[in-house]
Protein backbone atom coordinates (compact mmCIF):
# COMPACT_ATOMS: atom_id res chain seq x y z
CA MET A 1 -9.85 6.15 8.18
CA GLY A 2 -11.09 3.00 9.83
CA ILE A 3 -12.52 3.42 13.34
CA LYS A 4 -13.35 0.32 15.37
CA ASP A 5 -17.09 0.01 16.11
CA PHE A 6 -17.67 3.72 15.42
CA LEU A 7 -21.21 3.25 14.09
CA LYS A 8 -22.06 1.27 17.23
CA ALA A 9 -20.74 3.94 19.60
CA GLU A 10 -23.43 5.15 22.04
CA LEU A 11 -23.26 8.94 22.31
CA GLY A 12 -25.08 11.60 24.29
CA PRO A 13 -27.22 11.33 27.43
CA GLU A 14 -29.70 9.14 25.53
CA LYS A 15 -26.93 6.74 24.44
CA LYS A 16 -27.98 6.97 20.83
CA LYS A 17 -25.80 4.93 18.48
CA VAL A 18 -23.96 6.79 15.73
CA GLN A 19 -25.73 4.72 13.07
CA ASP A 20 -29.10 5.83 14.50
CA PHE A 21 -28.30 9.41 13.50
CA GLY A 22 -28.32 8.23 9.89
CA GLU A 23 -30.71 6.54 7.49
CA PHE A 24 -30.66 3.68 4.99
CA PHE A 25 -31.78 4.28 1.41
CA ASP A 26 -32.12 2.11 -1.66
CA LEU A 27 -29.69 2.49 -4.56
CA ASN A 28 -31.92 4.97 -6.40
CA PHE A 29 -31.24 7.51 -3.65
CA ILE A 30 -28.15 8.67 -5.52
CA LYS A 31 -30.08 9.48 -8.70
CA GLY A 32 -29.55 13.07 -9.88
CA LYS A 33 -27.33 13.97 -6.92
CA LYS A 34 -24.05 15.88 -6.82
CA VAL A 35 -21.55 13.38 -5.44
CA VAL A 36 -17.95 13.80 -4.28
CA ILE A 37 -16.17 10.47 -4.63
CA ASP A 38 -13.30 9.47 -2.33
CA ALA A 39 -11.42 7.89 -5.23
CA PHE A 40 -8.93 5.60 -3.52
CA ASN A 41 -11.45 4.49 -0.89
CA VAL A 42 -13.96 3.40 -3.53
CA ILE A 43 -11.38 1.77 -5.80
CA TYR A 44 -9.53 -0.11 -3.04
CA LYS A 45 -12.79 -1.35 -1.54
CA ASN A 46 -13.80 -2.85 -4.87
CA MET A 47 -10.31 -4.26 -5.47
CA TYR A 48 -10.56 -6.23 -2.23
CA VAL A 49 -13.94 -7.58 -3.32
CA LEU A 50 -12.34 -8.92 -6.52
CA LYS A 51 -9.40 -10.29 -4.44
CA GLU A 52 -7.15 -10.53 -7.48
CA HIS A 53 -5.76 -8.43 -10.29
CA LEU A 54 -7.34 -8.60 -13.74
CA THR A 55 -4.78 -8.47 -16.53
CA PHE A 56 -4.60 -8.24 -20.33
CA ASN A 57 -1.38 -8.89 -22.22
CA GLY A 58 0.54 -8.55 -18.97
CA GLN A 59 -1.08 -5.22 -18.05
CA ILE A 60 -3.09 -4.87 -14.83
CA THR A 61 -6.58 -3.61 -15.67
CA THR A 62 -8.51 -4.09 -12.39
CA HIS A 63 -8.44 -0.37 -11.56
CA ILE A 64 -9.72 0.54 -15.03
CA LYS A 65 -12.59 -1.96 -14.86
CA ILE A 66 -13.70 -0.77 -11.39
CA THR A 67 -13.53 2.93 -12.24
CA LEU A 68 -15.26 2.48 -15.61
CA GLN A 69 -18.10 0.52 -13.98
CA LYS A 70 -18.61 3.25 -11.40
CA ILE A 71 -18.49 6.04 -13.99
CA ARG A 72 -21.07 4.37 -16.22
CA TYR A 73 -23.31 3.48 -13.28
CA PHE A 74 -23.34 7.08 -12.07
CA GLN A 75 -23.87 8.43 -15.57
CA LYS A 76 -26.89 6.17 -15.96
CA LEU A 77 -28.36 7.72 -12.79
CA ASN A 78 -27.52 11.28 -13.91
CA VAL A 79 -25.08 11.75 -11.02
CA GLN A 80 -22.78 14.78 -11.12
CA GLN A 81 -19.42 13.21 -10.26
CA PHE A 82 -16.32 14.80 -8.73
CA TRP A 83 -13.50 12.33 -7.99
CA ILE A 84 -10.91 13.34 -5.38
CA PHE A 85 -7.46 11.75 -5.00
CA ASP A 86 -5.11 12.25 -2.07
CA GLU A 87 -1.53 11.75 -3.15
CA TYR A 88 0.62 10.17 -0.43
CA TYR A 89 2.52 13.05 1.13
CA GLY A 90 4.58 11.52 3.95
CA ASN A 91 1.95 11.43 6.71
CA LYS A 92 3.65 9.23 9.36
CA LEU A 93 0.31 8.50 11.03
CA LYS A 94 -0.92 6.99 7.77
CA GLU A 95 2.29 5.21 6.80
CA GLU A 96 1.55 1.98 8.70
CA THR A 97 -1.93 1.72 7.17
CA VAL A 98 -0.57 2.26 3.65
CA ASN A 99 2.14 -0.37 4.14
CA LYS A 100 -0.42 -2.98 5.29
CA ARG A 101 -2.30 -2.92 1.98
CA THR A 102 -1.96 -6.20 0.12
CA LEU A 103 -3.35 -4.77 -3.11
CA LYS A 104 -1.71 -1.52 -4.11
CA LEU A 105 -2.09 0.97 -6.93
CA GLU A 106 1.18 2.02 -8.49
CA ARG A 107 1.59 5.59 -9.67
CA GLU A 108 1.11 4.50 -13.28
CA HIS A 109 -2.25 2.95 -12.35
CA VAL A 110 -3.36 6.17 -10.66
CA GLU A 111 -2.43 8.13 -13.77
CA GLU A 112 -4.44 5.69 -15.89
CA ILE A 113 -7.50 6.22 -13.68
CA LYS A 114 -7.15 9.97 -14.08
CA LYS A 115 -6.77 9.54 -17.84
CA LEU A 116 -9.97 7.47 -17.90
CA LEU A 117 -11.87 10.13 -15.95
CA SER A 118 -10.64 12.87 -18.30
CA LEU A 119 -11.56 10.91 -21.43
CA CYS A 120 -15.04 10.36 -19.95
CA GLY A 121 -15.39 14.08 -19.23
CA ILE A 122 -15.48 13.53 -15.46
CA LYS A 123 -14.17 16.18 -13.05
CA TRP A 124 -11.30 15.16 -10.73
CA ILE A 125 -8.64 16.69 -8.52
CA SER A 126 -5.53 15.70 -6.53
CA VAL A 127 -5.08 17.27 -3.09
CA LYS A 128 -2.29 17.37 -0.53
CA ILE A 129 -4.51 16.27 2.38
CA GLU A 130 -6.86 13.37 3.03
CA ALA A 131 -9.40 13.23 0.21
CA GLU A 132 -12.29 12.78 2.66
CA PHE A 133 -11.26 15.95 4.55
CA TYR A 134 -11.47 17.98 1.36
CA ALA A 135 -14.65 16.24 0.25
CA ALA A 136 -16.39 16.82 3.59
CA GLU A 137 -15.89 20.58 3.25
CA LEU A 138 -17.76 20.54 -0.06
CA THR A 139 -20.90 19.12 1.61
CA LYS A 140 -21.06 21.45 4.64
CA GLY A 141 -23.08 24.59 5.27
CA ASP A 142 -26.50 25.86 4.19
CA ASN A 143 -25.60 25.92 0.49
CA PRO A 144 -23.14 23.07 -0.09
CA LEU A 145 -21.48 22.59 -3.46
CA TYR A 146 -22.16 18.84 -3.34
CA ASP A 147 -24.82 16.67 -1.71
CA VAL A 148 -22.81 13.75 -0.33
CA VAL A 149 -19.36 12.17 -0.04
CA LEU A 150 -19.25 8.60 -1.32
CA SER A 151 -16.81 6.86 1.02
CA SER A 152 -16.61 4.34 3.84
CA ASP A 153 -14.22 6.53 5.86
CA MET A 154 -15.76 7.82 9.09
CA ASP A 155 -13.53 10.91 8.89
CA VAL A 156 -16.27 12.46 6.76
CA ILE A 157 -18.67 12.39 9.73
CA ILE A 158 -16.05 13.66 12.17
CA ARG A 159 -15.32 16.58 9.85
CA GLY A 160 -19.04 17.44 9.76
CA GLY A 161 -19.53 16.29 6.18
CA VAL A 162 -22.37 14.28 4.65
CA LEU A 163 -21.41 10.62 4.33
CA LEU A 164 -22.92 8.19 1.82
CA LYS A 165 -21.60 4.70 2.47
CA GLU A 166 -22.30 1.63 0.37
CA SER A 167 -23.84 -0.93 2.69
CA LEU A 168 -25.91 -4.10 3.09
CA ARG A 169 -29.21 -4.35 4.93
CA GLU A 170 -31.21 -7.53 5.20
CA GLY A 171 -29.04 -8.98 2.46
CA LYS A 172 -29.72 -6.13 0.02
CA ARG A 173 -27.27 -3.53 -1.25
CA CYS A 174 -28.16 -0.03 -0.13
CA TYR A 175 -26.68 3.29 1.00
CA PHE A 176 -26.15 4.51 4.55
CA TYR A 177 -26.53 8.30 4.81
CA LEU A 178 -25.41 10.45 7.74
CA ASN A 179 -25.03 14.21 8.01
CA GLY A 180 -22.10 14.78 10.37
CA GLU A 181 -22.85 18.47 10.86
CA THR A 182 -26.41 17.69 11.99
CA MET A 183 -25.19 14.98 14.36
CA LEU A 184 -22.65 17.29 15.98
CA LYS A 185 -25.32 19.93 16.53
CA GLU A 186 -27.72 17.42 18.07
CA LEU A 187 -25.02 16.12 20.44
CA LYS A 188 -23.85 19.70 21.14
CA ILE A 189 -20.21 18.72 20.79
CA SER A 190 -17.33 19.88 18.61
CA SER A 191 -15.65 18.01 15.78
CA CYS A 192 -12.56 17.66 18.00
CA ALA A 193 -14.60 16.08 20.81
CA LEU A 194 -15.96 13.51 18.37
CA ALA A 195 -12.46 12.95 16.96
CA LYS A 196 -11.15 12.19 20.45
CA MET A 197 -13.84 9.56 21.04
CA ALA A 198 -13.12 8.02 17.64
CA VAL A 199 -9.41 7.76 18.46
CA MET A 200 -10.17 6.27 21.89
CA LEU A 201 -12.12 3.51 20.14
CA GLY A 202 -9.08 2.71 18.01
CA CYS A 203 -8.29 3.86 14.48
CA ASP A 204 -5.75 3.56 11.69
CA PHE A 205 -3.69 6.39 13.17
CA ALA A 206 -3.42 5.33 16.83
CA PRO A 207 -4.14 2.36 19.16
CA LYS A 208 -7.36 2.31 21.21
CA SER A 209 -7.67 3.27 24.85
CA LEU A 210 -7.78 0.38 27.31
CA ARG A 211 -11.21 -0.54 28.67
CA VAL A 212 -12.97 1.82 26.24
CA GLY A 213 -15.61 0.48 23.88
CA PRO A 214 -18.68 1.67 21.99
CA LYS A 215 -20.86 1.55 25.12
CA SER A 216 -18.42 3.36 27.42
CA VAL A 217 -16.69 5.89 25.17
CA TRP A 218 -19.16 8.72 25.89
CA LYS A 219 -18.78 8.28 29.65
CA LYS A 220 -14.99 8.22 29.35
CA ARG A 221 -14.68 10.98 26.74
CA ASN A 222 -12.93 13.36 29.14
CA GLU A 223 -10.28 10.89 30.26
CA PRO A 224 -6.64 11.58 29.28
CA ILE A 225 -5.20 10.06 26.12
CA THR A 226 -1.66 9.24 25.00
CA PRO A 227 0.55 11.66 23.03
CA ARG A 228 0.16 9.45 19.93
CA GLN A 229 -3.63 9.55 20.30
CA GLN A 230 -3.57 13.33 20.75
CA GLU A 231 -1.52 13.64 17.57
CA ALA A 232 -4.22 11.64 15.76
CA VAL A 233 -6.98 13.84 17.22
CA ASP A 234 -5.16 17.02 16.17
CA PHE A 235 -4.76 15.61 12.68
CA LEU A 236 -8.42 14.63 12.39
CA CYS A 237 -9.88 17.96 13.47
CA HIS A 238 -7.41 20.57 12.23
CA LYS A 239 -8.82 23.35 10.10
CA ILE A 240 -7.83 23.38 6.45
CA ASP A 241 -7.42 26.08 3.86
CA MET A 242 -9.29 24.78 0.83
CA CYS A 243 -7.37 27.11 -1.47
CA GLY A 244 -4.00 26.06 -0.06
CA VAL A 245 -4.28 22.28 -0.35
CA ILE A 246 -4.90 21.87 -4.07
CA HIS A 247 -2.16 19.98 -5.89
CA LYS A 248 -3.54 21.06 -9.24
CA LYS A 249 -6.74 22.69 -10.45
CA PRO A 250 -9.72 20.39 -11.01
CA GLU A 251 -9.42 18.60 -14.32
CA THR A 252 -12.52 18.95 -16.45
CA LYS A 253 -12.34 18.00 -20.11
CA LYS A 254 -14.92 17.32 -22.75
CA GLU A 255 -15.67 13.64 -23.22
CA ASN A 256 -13.60 12.10 -26.03
CA LYS A 257 -15.44 8.90 -27.00
CA GLU A 258 -13.18 8.06 -29.96
CA GLU A 259 -9.93 8.21 -27.99
CA LEU A 260 -11.60 6.48 -25.02
CA ASN A 261 -12.81 3.55 -27.14
CA GLU A 262 -9.41 3.16 -28.83
CA TRP A 263 -7.64 3.08 -25.45
CA LEU A 264 -10.10 0.61 -23.91
CA LEU A 265 -9.78 -1.72 -26.89
CA GLU A 266 -5.99 -1.65 -26.45
CA LEU A 267 -6.55 -2.76 -22.84
CA GLY A 268 -8.75 -5.66 -23.92
CA PHE A 269 -12.15 -4.21 -23.03
CA SER A 270 -15.27 -4.85 -25.11
CA ILE A 271 -16.90 -1.65 -26.38
């Protein structure tokens, strides 16, 4: 979920910016790590960078190219990958955001991405909630199952997860890392309190509060919000049953190089 100026928000008595709770690392930081990947977030972000669809014999192949590049990049760095998809499930708060997308993945494209992951032997899952909610849970606690969530959605921080966001610093590509659980403990606030401030700043699920910005949101955190904003807050901080949200069990298959190469050649890729 996009939150306006969230990383610039000044929180706590010391007015420490959200981004100051995190750190910047070079691209090697991800080497050897266990990474949960917010599938649609990563793919859509890269689709917008390309700004157009790649095609072969009338077939759209942008999504395949992006996913394959990411898979191979992570494999080269010995990253343990787990891709998570959130299937659209009628969330009215999200409907407007989904409809605004100018580049969209059709269901057939999503199935092709999943096929690619399976042929590469990469673990993936579809869930009935926001992918970043599920992913955040996997990075929380003293003995987390995964190290970080690769996403640009700030929901990961609000949910107390460990965010790893692709970023730029001084013109160089890097990663921004922030442990949401640690930040919440330092600020001595709950996930719901942080969710309220995020919504007051303005997000995909509700309009911002008037006269509230990154420098004033902490001071105004206890002010009343609209019913629509409260609905967004409740959605952002509700507890989830990890066993009850799975659409299907995680797919994990042995890599099938022969079938993978045949399929990629059919799509016009060089092997």
